PDB file of N, CA and C in Angstrom:
ATOM      1  N   MET A   1     -23.434  12.594  -9.688  1.00  0.00           N
ATOM      2  CA  MET A   1     -24.145  11.428  -9.208  1.00  0.00           C
ATOM      3  C   MET A   1     -23.250  10.652  -8.240  1.00  0.00           C
ATOM      4  N   HIS A   2     -23.773  10.355  -7.082  1.00  0.00           N
ATOM      5  CA  HIS A   2     -23.009   9.651  -6.059  1.00  0.00           C
ATOM      6  C   HIS A   2     -23.307   8.155  -6.116  1.00  0.00           C
ATOM      7  N   PRO A   3     -22.264   7.349  -5.867  1.00  0.00           N
ATOM      8  CA  PRO A   3     -22.511   5.900  -5.839  1.00  0.00           C
ATOM      9  C   PRO A   3     -23.379   5.520  -4.647  1.00  0.00           C
ATOM     10  N   HIS A   4     -24.095   4.487  -4.791  1.00  0.00           N
ATOM     11  CA  HIS A   4     -24.973   3.990  -3.725  1.00  0.00           C
ATOM     12  C   HIS A   4     -24.121   3.424  -2.589  1.00  0.00           C
ATOM     13  N   PRO A   5     -24.460   3.692  -1.319  1.00  0.00           N
ATOM     14  CA  PRO A   5     -23.679   3.176  -0.178  1.00  0.00           C
ATOM     15  C   PRO A   5     -23.569   1.655  -0.168  1.00  0.00           C
ATOM     16  N   PHE A   6     -24.491   0.985  -0.796  1.00  0.00           N
ATOM     17  CA  PHE A   6     -24.454  -0.467  -0.862  1.00  0.00           C
ATOM     18  C   PHE A   6     -23.157  -0.959  -1.500  1.00  0.00           C
ATOM     19  N   PHE A   7     -22.677  -0.227  -2.513  1.00  0.00           N
ATOM     20  CA  PHE A   7     -21.452  -0.643  -3.202  1.00  0.00           C
ATOM     21  C   PHE A   7     -20.234  -0.534  -2.287  1.00  0.00           C
ATOM     22  N   GLY A   8     -20.230   0.446  -1.397  1.00  0.00           N
ATOM     23  CA  GLY A   8     -19.151   0.565  -0.422  1.00  0.00           C
ATOM     24  C   GLY A   8     -19.144  -0.599   0.550  1.00  0.00           C
ATOM     25  N   LEU A   9     -20.323  -1.011   0.973  1.00  0.00           N
ATOM     26  CA  LEU A   9     -20.435  -2.153   1.870  1.00  0.00           C
ATOM     27  C   LEU A   9     -19.964  -3.430   1.185  1.00  0.00           C
ATOM     28  N   VAL A  10     -20.352  -3.610  -0.055  1.00  0.00           N
ATOM     29  CA  VAL A  10     -19.925  -4.789  -0.817  1.00  0.00           C
ATOM     30  C   VAL A  10     -18.404  -4.785  -0.976  1.00  0.00           C
ATOM     31  N   ALA A  11     -17.832  -3.636  -1.294  1.00  0.00           N
ATOM     32  CA  ALA A  11     -16.375  -3.533  -1.445  1.00  0.00           C
ATOM     33  C   ALA A  11     -15.663  -3.864  -0.135  1.00  0.00           C
ATOM     34  N   ALA A  12     -16.210  -3.396   0.986  1.00  0.00           N
ATOM     35  CA  ALA A  12     -15.606  -3.688   2.287  1.00  0.00           C
ATOM     36  C   ALA A  12     -15.651  -5.179   2.595  1.00  0.00           C
ATOM     37  N   ILE A  13     -16.763  -5.804   2.312  1.00  0.00           N
ATOM     38  CA  ILE A  13     -16.889  -7.249   2.551  1.00  0.00           C
ATOM     39  C   ILE A  13     -15.927  -8.016   1.659  1.00  0.00           C
ATOM     40  N   LEU A  14     -15.830  -7.601   0.402  1.00  0.00           N
ATOM     41  CA  LEU A  14     -14.921  -8.277  -0.529  1.00  0.00           C
ATOM     42  C   LEU A  14     -13.455  -8.098  -0.128  1.00  0.00           C
ATOM     43  N   ALA A  15     -13.129  -7.045   0.594  1.00  0.00           N
ATOM     44  CA  ALA A  15     -11.765  -6.836   1.062  1.00  0.00           C
ATOM     45  C   ALA A  15     -11.472  -7.643   2.321  1.00  0.00           C
ATOM     46  N   VAL A  16     -12.455  -7.761   3.204  1.00  0.00           N
ATOM     47  CA  VAL A  16     -12.225  -8.422   4.489  1.00  0.00           C
ATOM     48  C   VAL A  16     -12.146  -9.945   4.346  1.00  0.00           C
ATOM     49  N   ILE A  17     -12.945 -10.522   3.491  1.00  0.00           N
ATOM     50  CA  ILE A  17     -12.994 -11.986   3.396  1.00  0.00           C
ATOM     51  C   ILE A  17     -11.621 -12.597   3.095  1.00  0.00           C
ATOM     52  N   PRO A  18     -10.921 -12.174   2.035  1.00  0.00           N
ATOM     53  CA  PRO A  18      -9.602 -12.786   1.798  1.00  0.00           C
ATOM     54  C   PRO A  18      -8.580 -12.404   2.864  1.00  0.00           C
ATOM     55  N   ALA A  19      -8.662 -11.181   3.382  1.00  0.00           N
ATOM     56  CA  ALA A  19      -7.724 -10.781   4.432  1.00  0.00           C
ATOM     57  C   ALA A  19      -7.911 -11.648   5.675  1.00  0.00           C
ATOM     58  N   TRP A  20      -9.164 -11.906   6.044  1.00  0.00           N
ATOM     59  CA  TRP A  20      -9.462 -12.752   7.207  1.00  0.00           C
ATOM     60  C   TRP A  20      -8.890 -14.156   7.000  1.00  0.00           C
ATOM     61  N   LYS A  21      -9.073 -14.684   5.799  1.00  0.00           N
ATOM     62  CA  LYS A  21      -8.597 -16.034   5.490  1.00  0.00           C
ATOM     63  C   LYS A  21      -7.064 -16.105   5.567  1.00  0.00           C
ATOM     64  N   ILE A  22      -6.389 -15.120   5.018  1.00  0.00           N
ATOM     65  CA  ILE A  22      -4.923 -15.098   5.024  1.00  0.00           C
ATOM     66  C   ILE A  22      -4.390 -14.983   6.447  1.00  0.00           C
ATOM     67  N   VAL A  23      -4.950 -14.071   7.219  1.00  0.00           N
ATOM     68  CA  VAL A  23      -4.497 -13.870   8.598  1.00  0.00           C
ATOM     69  C   VAL A  23      -4.749 -15.123   9.428  1.00  0.00           C
ATOM     70  N   SER A  24      -5.871 -15.783   9.208  1.00  0.00           N
ATOM     71  CA  SER A  24      -6.177 -17.027   9.932  1.00  0.00           C
ATOM     72  C   SER A  24      -5.213 -18.142   9.559  1.00  0.00           C
ATOM     73  N   LYS A  25      -4.886 -18.257   8.278  1.00  0.00           N
ATOM     74  CA  LYS A  25      -3.935 -19.292   7.845  1.00  0.00           C
ATOM     75  C   LYS A  25      -2.552 -19.057   8.421  1.00  0.00           C
ATOM     76  N   ALA A  26      -2.222 -17.806   8.708  1.00  0.00           N
ATOM     77  CA  ALA A  26      -0.925 -17.482   9.302  1.00  0.00           C
ATOM     78  C   ALA A  26      -0.890 -17.848  10.777  1.00  0.00           C
ATOM     79  N   GLY A  27      -2.053 -18.126  11.367  1.00  0.00           N
ATOM     80  CA  GLY A  27      -2.104 -18.523  12.761  1.00  0.00           C
ATOM     81  C   GLY A  27      -2.570 -17.422  13.698  1.00  0.00           C
ATOM     82  N   TYR A  28      -2.944 -16.279  13.141  1.00  0.00           N
ATOM     83  CA  TYR A  28      -3.453 -15.178  13.953  1.00  0.00           C
ATOM     84  C   TYR A  28      -4.972 -15.235  14.001  1.00  0.00           C
ATOM     85  N   ASN A  29      -5.554 -14.482  14.927  1.00  0.00           N
ATOM     86  CA  ASN A  29      -6.996 -14.343  14.990  1.00  0.00           C
ATOM     87  C   ASN A  29      -7.441 -13.547  13.759  1.00  0.00           C
ATOM     88  N   GLY A  30      -8.453 -14.033  13.068  1.00  0.00           N
ATOM     89  CA  GLY A  30      -8.925 -13.389  11.855  1.00  0.00           C
ATOM     90  C   GLY A  30      -9.384 -11.963  12.042  1.00  0.00           C
ATOM     91  N   ALA A  31      -9.756 -11.594  13.266  1.00  0.00           N
ATOM     92  CA  ALA A  31     -10.221 -10.232  13.530  1.00  0.00           C
ATOM     93  C   ALA A  31      -9.137  -9.188  13.246  1.00  0.00           C
ATOM     94  N   TRP A  32      -7.871  -9.591  13.239  1.00  0.00           N
ATOM     95  CA  TRP A  32      -6.791  -8.667  12.896  1.00  0.00           C
ATOM     96  C   TRP A  32      -6.979  -8.099  11.491  1.00  0.00           C
ATOM     97  N   SER A  33      -7.681  -8.824  10.639  1.00  0.00           N
ATOM     98  CA  SER A  33      -7.877  -8.357   9.270  1.00  0.00           C
ATOM     99  C   SER A  33      -8.734  -7.093   9.210  1.00  0.00           C
ATOM    100  N   LEU A  34      -9.478  -6.800  10.249  1.00  0.00           N
ATOM    101  CA  LEU A  34     -10.298  -5.591  10.271  1.00  0.00           C
ATOM    102  C   LEU A  34      -9.446  -4.325  10.304  1.00  0.00           C
ATOM    103  N   LEU A  35      -8.160  -4.464  10.596  1.00  0.00           N
ATOM    104  CA  LEU A  35      -7.271  -3.305  10.609  1.00  0.00           C
ATOM    105  C   LEU A  35      -7.021  -2.744   9.211  1.00  0.00           C
ATOM    106  N   ILE A  36      -7.448  -3.440   8.173  1.00  0.00           N
ATOM    107  CA  ILE A  36      -7.269  -2.898   6.828  1.00  0.00           C
ATOM    108  C   ILE A  36      -8.095  -1.634   6.622  1.00  0.00           C
ATOM    109  N   PHE A  37      -9.052  -1.369   7.498  1.00  0.00           N
ATOM    110  CA  PHE A  37      -9.890  -0.181   7.376  1.00  0.00           C
ATOM    111  C   PHE A  37      -9.327   1.023   8.129  1.00  0.00           C
ATOM    112  N   VAL A  38      -8.241   0.843   8.878  1.00  0.00           N
ATOM    113  CA  VAL A  38      -7.660   1.937   9.658  1.00  0.00           C
ATOM    114  C   VAL A  38      -6.451   2.491   8.896  1.00  0.00           C
ATOM    115  N   PRO A  39      -6.563   3.730   8.413  1.00  0.00           N
ATOM    116  CA  PRO A  39      -5.448   4.314   7.652  1.00  0.00           C
ATOM    117  C   PRO A  39      -4.152   4.319   8.455  1.00  0.00           C
ATOM    118  N   LEU A  40      -3.072   4.104   7.799  1.00  0.00           N
ATOM    119  CA  LEU A  40      -1.708   4.021   8.317  1.00  0.00           C
ATOM    120  C   LEU A  40      -1.480   2.755   9.133  1.00  0.00           C
ATOM    121  N   VAL A  41      -2.422   2.398   9.984  1.00  0.00           N
ATOM    122  CA  VAL A  41      -2.291   1.151  10.751  1.00  0.00           C
ATOM    123  C   VAL A  41      -2.274  -0.033   9.790  1.00  0.00           C
ATOM    124  N   ASN A  42      -3.060   0.031   8.716  1.00  0.00           N
ATOM    125  CA  ASN A  42      -3.091  -1.071   7.755  1.00  0.00           C
ATOM    126  C   ASN A  42      -1.725  -1.283   7.109  1.00  0.00           C
ATOM    127  N   ILE A  43      -1.010  -0.221   6.837  1.00  0.00           N
ATOM    128  CA  ILE A  43       0.326  -0.352   6.238  1.00  0.00           C
ATOM    129  C   ILE A  43       1.312  -0.907   7.258  1.00  0.00           C
ATOM    130  N   ILE A  44       1.249  -0.417   8.489  1.00  0.00           N
ATOM    131  CA  ILE A  44       2.138  -0.909   9.542  1.00  0.00           C
ATOM    132  C   ILE A  44       1.899  -2.392   9.795  1.00  0.00           C
ATOM    133  N   MET A  45       0.631  -2.793   9.871  1.00  0.00           N
ATOM    134  CA  MET A  45       0.323  -4.199  10.140  1.00  0.00           C
ATOM    135  C   MET A  45       0.759  -5.096   8.984  1.00  0.00           C
ATOM    136  N   MET A  46       0.713  -4.597   7.759  1.00  0.00           N
ATOM    137  CA  MET A  46       1.178  -5.389   6.624  1.00  0.00           C
ATOM    138  C   MET A  46       2.664  -5.729   6.807  1.00  0.00           C
ATOM    139  N   TYR A  47       3.444  -4.764   7.270  1.00  0.00           N
ATOM    140  CA  TYR A  47       4.863  -5.023   7.514  1.00  0.00           C
ATOM    141  C   TYR A  47       5.069  -5.944   8.717  1.00  0.00           C
ATOM    142  N   VAL A  48       4.262  -5.770   9.751  1.00  0.00           N
ATOM    143  CA  VAL A  48       4.367  -6.651  10.923  1.00  0.00           C
ATOM    144  C   VAL A  48       4.085  -8.095  10.516  1.00  0.00           C
ATOM    145  N   PHE A  49       3.007  -8.311   9.764  1.00  0.00           N
ATOM    146  CA  PHE A  49       2.675  -9.663   9.322  1.00  0.00           C
ATOM    147  C   PHE A  49       3.730 -10.212   8.360  1.00  0.00           C
ATOM    148  N   ALA A  50       4.303  -9.361   7.547  1.00  0.00           N
ATOM    149  CA  ALA A  50       5.274  -9.823   6.554  1.00  0.00           C
ATOM    150  C   ALA A  50       6.603 -10.243   7.180  1.00  0.00           C
ATOM    151  N   PHE A  51       7.053  -9.530   8.207  1.00  0.00           N
ATOM    152  CA  PHE A  51       8.402  -9.760   8.709  1.00  0.00           C
ATOM    153  C   PHE A  51       8.486 -10.466  10.056  1.00  0.00           C
ATOM    154  N   ASN A  52       7.379 -10.641  10.753  1.00  0.00           N
ATOM    155  CA  ASN A  52       7.393 -11.415  11.996  1.00  0.00           C
ATOM    156  C   ASN A  52       7.210 -12.892  11.690  1.00  0.00           C
ATOM    157  N   GLN A  53       7.678 -13.723  12.610  1.00  0.00           N
ATOM    158  CA  GLN A  53       7.434 -15.153  12.473  1.00  0.00           C
ATOM    159  C   GLN A  53       5.973 -15.413  12.816  1.00  0.00           C
ATOM    160  N   TRP A  54       5.295 -16.127  11.964  1.00  0.00           N
ATOM    161  CA  TRP A  54       3.873 -16.409  12.156  1.00  0.00           C
ATOM    162  C   TRP A  54       3.702 -17.523  13.183  1.00  0.00           C
ATOM    163  N   PRO A  55       2.637 -17.483  13.980  1.00  0.00           N
ATOM    164  CA  PRO A  55       2.402 -18.551  14.956  1.00  0.00           C
ATOM    165  C   PRO A  55       2.355 -19.943  14.328  1.00  0.00           C
ATOM    166  N   ILE A  56       1.852 -20.040  13.112  1.00  0.00           N
ATOM    167  CA  ILE A  56       1.785 -21.338  12.442  1.00  0.00           C
ATOM    168  C   ILE A  56       3.192 -21.883  12.169  1.00  0.00           C
ATOM    169  N   GLU A  57       4.168 -21.001  11.948  1.00  0.00           N
ATOM    170  CA  GLU A  57       5.543 -21.431  11.708  1.00  0.00           C
ATOM    171  C   GLU A  57       6.199 -21.946  12.989  1.00  0.00           C
ATOM    172  N   LYS A  58       5.781 -21.402  14.126  1.00  0.00           N
ATOM    173  CA  LYS A  58       6.341 -21.825  15.407  1.00  0.00           C
ATOM    174  C   LYS A  58       5.935 -23.253  15.739  1.00  0.00           C
ATOM    175  N   LYS A  59       4.761 -23.698  15.236  1.00  0.00           N
ATOM    176  CA  LYS A  59       4.264 -25.041  15.516  1.00  0.00           C
ATOM    177  C   LYS A  59       5.013 -26.107  14.716  1.00  0.00           C
ATOM    178  N   LEU A  60       5.637 -25.696  13.618  1.00  0.00           N
ATOM    179  CA  LEU A  60       6.314 -26.682  12.751  1.00  0.00           C
ATOM    180  C   LEU A  60       7.650 -27.090  13.259  1.00  0.00           C
TER     181      LEU A  60
END
């Protein structure tokens, strides 16, 4: 029995909402959070966001 595609869509939305909020609070465009759906790029971007100075920090 295969899961209904609706559940995949719900899971994707539930993943993007907090990622969008976090990326926006860091001072980046929230659309960057869509990279969580691209394999390998999502891991690279996690390190970029973790170790680069965030735009919001530059304003302080």
